[in-house]
Amino acid sequence: VSTISLTTGLVMHGAFGIQQLGLSALAVVPALLGMWLGQVIRQRISARVFRACFLGFLLLLGLELVLRPLF
């Protein structure tokens, strides 16, 4: 529902046209593959390990955002 609302808002404000539709559809493919891979990994490891890895990656992402202006 949020994706439909976002798309509607972008179209209404002229920020998203038909020419971007194909590229946007292609961008969905890696996202779906990532979700599938995450589910496969999640089924093979314990909830504790998954949580620790998830939080670790969030920490790395946050550090990257904080350090980005410095480099």
N, C-alpha and C. Protein backbone atom coordinates (compact mmCIF):
# COMPACT_ATOMS: atom_id res chain seq x y z
N VAL A 1 0.84 -1.19 0.00
CA VAL A 1 0.00 0.00 0.00
C VAL A 1 0.88 1.25 0.00
N SER A 2 1.97 1.23 0.77
CA SER A 2 2.82 2.42 0.83
C SER A 2 3.49 2.69 -0.52
N THR A 3 3.85 1.64 -1.24
CA THR A 3 4.47 1.82 -2.55
C THR A 3 3.50 2.45 -3.53
N ILE A 4 2.26 2.02 -3.48
CA ILE A 4 1.23 2.59 -4.37
C ILE A 4 1.01 4.06 -4.02
N SER A 5 0.96 4.37 -2.73
CA SER A 5 0.79 5.76 -2.31
C SER A 5 1.97 6.62 -2.74
N LEU A 6 3.19 6.11 -2.57
CA LEU A 6 4.37 6.85 -2.99
C LEU A 6 4.37 7.10 -4.49
N THR A 7 4.06 6.07 -5.26
CA THR A 7 4.01 6.21 -6.71
C THR A 7 2.96 7.23 -7.13
N THR A 8 1.80 7.18 -6.51
CA THR A 8 0.73 8.13 -6.82
C THR A 8 1.18 9.55 -6.53
N GLY A 9 1.81 9.75 -5.38
CA GLY A 9 2.31 11.08 -5.04
C GLY A 9 3.36 11.58 -6.01
N LEU A 10 4.28 10.70 -6.40
CA LEU A 10 5.32 11.10 -7.35
C LEU A 10 4.73 11.46 -8.71
N VAL A 11 3.75 10.67 -9.18
CA VAL A 11 3.11 10.95 -10.46
C VAL A 11 2.36 12.28 -10.41
N MET A 12 1.65 12.52 -9.32
CA MET A 12 0.87 13.75 -9.18
C MET A 12 1.76 14.99 -9.18
N HIS A 13 2.98 14.85 -8.70
CA HIS A 13 3.89 16.00 -8.64
C HIS A 13 4.88 16.03 -9.81
N GLY A 14 4.67 15.17 -10.78
CA GLY A 14 5.50 15.18 -11.97
C GLY A 14 6.91 14.64 -11.79
N ALA A 15 7.15 13.94 -10.70
CA ALA A 15 8.49 13.42 -10.42
C ALA A 15 8.68 11.99 -10.93
N PHE A 16 7.64 11.40 -11.46
CA PHE A 16 7.73 10.02 -11.94
C PHE A 16 6.91 9.90 -13.21
N GLY A 17 7.59 9.57 -14.29
CA GLY A 17 6.90 9.45 -15.56
C GLY A 17 6.97 8.02 -16.08
N ILE A 18 6.30 7.79 -17.15
CA ILE A 18 6.25 6.47 -17.78
C ILE A 18 7.65 6.00 -18.17
N GLN A 19 8.52 6.93 -18.56
CA GLN A 19 9.86 6.54 -18.99
C GLN A 19 10.68 5.91 -17.85
N GLN A 20 10.37 6.19 -16.61
CA GLN A 20 11.08 5.59 -15.48
C GLN A 20 10.47 4.25 -15.05
N LEU A 21 9.34 3.89 -15.59
CA LEU A 21 8.64 2.69 -15.17
C LEU A 21 9.47 1.42 -15.38
N GLY A 22 10.11 1.30 -16.55
CA GLY A 22 10.92 0.12 -16.84
C GLY A 22 12.09 -0.01 -15.90
N LEU A 23 12.80 1.09 -15.65
CA LEU A 23 13.95 1.06 -14.75
C LEU A 23 13.50 0.76 -13.32
N SER A 24 12.38 1.29 -12.91
CA SER A 24 11.86 1.01 -11.58
C SER A 24 11.49 -0.47 -11.44
N ALA A 25 10.90 -1.02 -12.49
CA ALA A 25 10.55 -2.45 -12.45
C ALA A 25 11.80 -3.30 -12.36
N LEU A 26 12.86 -2.92 -13.05
CA LEU A 26 14.12 -3.66 -12.96
C LEU A 26 14.74 -3.56 -11.56
N ALA A 27 14.56 -2.44 -10.91
CA ALA A 27 15.11 -2.25 -9.57
C ALA A 27 14.43 -3.15 -8.54
N VAL A 28 13.23 -3.61 -8.84
CA VAL A 28 12.51 -4.49 -7.92
C VAL A 28 13.16 -5.88 -7.88
N VAL A 29 13.77 -6.30 -8.97
CA VAL A 29 14.35 -7.65 -9.05
C VAL A 29 15.40 -7.89 -7.98
N PRO A 30 16.44 -7.02 -7.83
CA PRO A 30 17.41 -7.29 -6.77
C PRO A 30 16.81 -7.21 -5.38
N ALA A 31 15.81 -6.35 -5.20
CA ALA A 31 15.15 -6.26 -3.89
C ALA A 31 14.45 -7.57 -3.55
N LEU A 32 13.75 -8.15 -4.51
CA LEU A 32 13.07 -9.42 -4.27
C LEU A 32 14.08 -10.56 -4.04
N LEU A 33 15.17 -10.55 -4.79
CA LEU A 33 16.21 -11.56 -4.58
C LEU A 33 16.82 -11.44 -3.19
N GLY A 34 17.04 -10.22 -2.74
CA GLY A 34 17.57 -10.00 -1.40
C GLY A 34 16.62 -10.48 -0.31
N MET A 35 15.34 -10.24 -0.51
CA MET A 35 14.34 -10.71 0.46
C MET A 35 14.32 -12.23 0.50
N TRP A 36 14.37 -12.86 -0.66
CA TRP A 36 14.38 -14.32 -0.72
C TRP A 36 15.63 -14.87 -0.03
N LEU A 37 16.79 -14.29 -0.33
CA LEU A 37 18.04 -14.76 0.27
C LEU A 37 18.00 -14.58 1.79
N GLY A 38 17.47 -13.48 2.26
CA GLY A 38 17.33 -13.24 3.69
C GLY A 38 16.46 -14.29 4.37
N GLN A 39 15.39 -14.70 3.72
CA GLN A 39 14.52 -15.73 4.28
C GLN A 39 15.23 -17.08 4.33
N VAL A 40 15.99 -17.39 3.28
CA VAL A 40 16.73 -18.65 3.26
C VAL A 40 17.76 -18.68 4.39
N ILE A 41 18.50 -17.58 4.54
CA ILE A 41 19.51 -17.51 5.60
C ILE A 41 18.84 -17.57 6.96
N ARG A 42 17.75 -16.86 7.12
CA ARG A 42 17.03 -16.82 8.41
C ARG A 42 16.58 -18.21 8.84
N GLN A 43 16.19 -19.05 7.90
CA GLN A 43 15.73 -20.40 8.24
C GLN A 43 16.88 -21.31 8.66
N ARG A 44 18.10 -20.96 8.29
CA ARG A 44 19.25 -21.82 8.56
C ARG A 44 20.03 -21.43 9.81
N ILE A 45 19.77 -20.26 10.39
CA ILE A 45 20.50 -19.85 11.59
C ILE A 45 19.52 -19.54 12.71
N SER A 46 20.04 -19.47 13.92
CA SER A 46 19.18 -19.21 15.07
C SER A 46 18.72 -17.75 15.07
N ALA A 47 17.65 -17.51 15.80
CA ALA A 47 17.10 -16.16 15.89
C ALA A 47 18.11 -15.22 16.54
N ARG A 48 18.86 -15.70 17.50
CA ARG A 48 19.85 -14.87 18.19
C ARG A 48 20.96 -14.43 17.24
N VAL A 49 21.47 -15.37 16.44
CA VAL A 49 22.54 -15.03 15.49
C VAL A 49 22.00 -14.09 14.41
N PHE A 50 20.79 -14.35 13.93
CA PHE A 50 20.19 -13.49 12.91
C PHE A 50 20.04 -12.07 13.44
N ARG A 51 19.54 -11.92 14.66
CA ARG A 51 19.35 -10.61 15.27
C ARG A 51 20.69 -9.88 15.42
N ALA A 52 21.70 -10.60 15.87
CA ALA A 52 23.03 -9.99 16.05
C ALA A 52 23.59 -9.53 14.71
N CYS A 53 23.46 -10.35 13.68
CA CYS A 53 23.95 -9.96 12.35
C CYS A 53 23.17 -8.77 11.81
N PHE A 54 21.87 -8.80 11.97
CA PHE A 54 21.02 -7.71 11.49
C PHE A 54 21.40 -6.39 12.15
N LEU A 55 21.53 -6.42 13.47
CA LEU A 55 21.88 -5.20 14.20
C LEU A 55 23.30 -4.75 13.86
N GLY A 56 24.20 -5.70 13.63
CA GLY A 56 25.56 -5.36 13.23
C GLY A 56 25.59 -4.65 11.89
N PHE A 57 24.80 -5.15 10.94
CA PHE A 57 24.74 -4.49 9.63
C PHE A 57 24.09 -3.12 9.73
N LEU A 58 23.09 -2.96 10.59
CA LEU A 58 22.51 -1.63 10.80
C LEU A 58 23.53 -0.67 11.39
N LEU A 59 24.34 -1.17 12.30
CA LEU A 59 25.40 -0.35 12.89
C LEU A 59 26.40 0.09 11.83
N LEU A 60 26.82 -0.85 10.98
CA LEU A 60 27.74 -0.51 9.89
C LEU A 60 27.14 0.52 8.94
N LEU A 61 25.87 0.36 8.63
CA LEU A 61 25.19 1.31 7.76
C LEU A 61 25.14 2.69 8.40
N GLY A 62 24.84 2.74 9.69
CA GLY A 62 24.82 4.02 10.40
C GLY A 62 26.19 4.67 10.43
N LEU A 63 27.24 3.88 10.66
CA LEU A 63 28.60 4.41 10.65
C LEU A 63 28.96 4.98 9.28
N GLU A 64 28.55 4.28 8.24
CA GLU A 64 28.83 4.75 6.89
C GLU A 64 28.14 6.10 6.64
N LEU A 65 26.92 6.24 7.11
CA LEU A 65 26.21 7.50 6.94
C LEU A 65 26.85 8.64 7.72
N VAL A 66 27.35 8.32 8.91
CA VAL A 66 28.00 9.36 9.74
C VAL A 66 29.35 9.75 9.15
N LEU A 67 30.09 8.77 8.63
CA LEU A 67 31.43 9.04 8.12
C LEU A 67 31.47 9.53 6.68
N ARG A 68 30.38 9.39 5.96
CA ARG A 68 30.34 9.77 4.54
C ARG A 68 30.80 11.21 4.29
N PRO A 69 30.36 12.20 5.07
CA PRO A 69 30.80 13.57 4.78
C PRO A 69 32.31 13.79 4.97
N LEU A 70 32.95 12.92 5.72
CA LEU A 70 34.37 13.10 6.00
C LEU A 70 35.27 12.63 4.88
N PHE A 71 34.74 11.82 3.97
CA PHE A 71 35.58 11.25 2.90
C PHE A 71 35.08 11.62 1.55
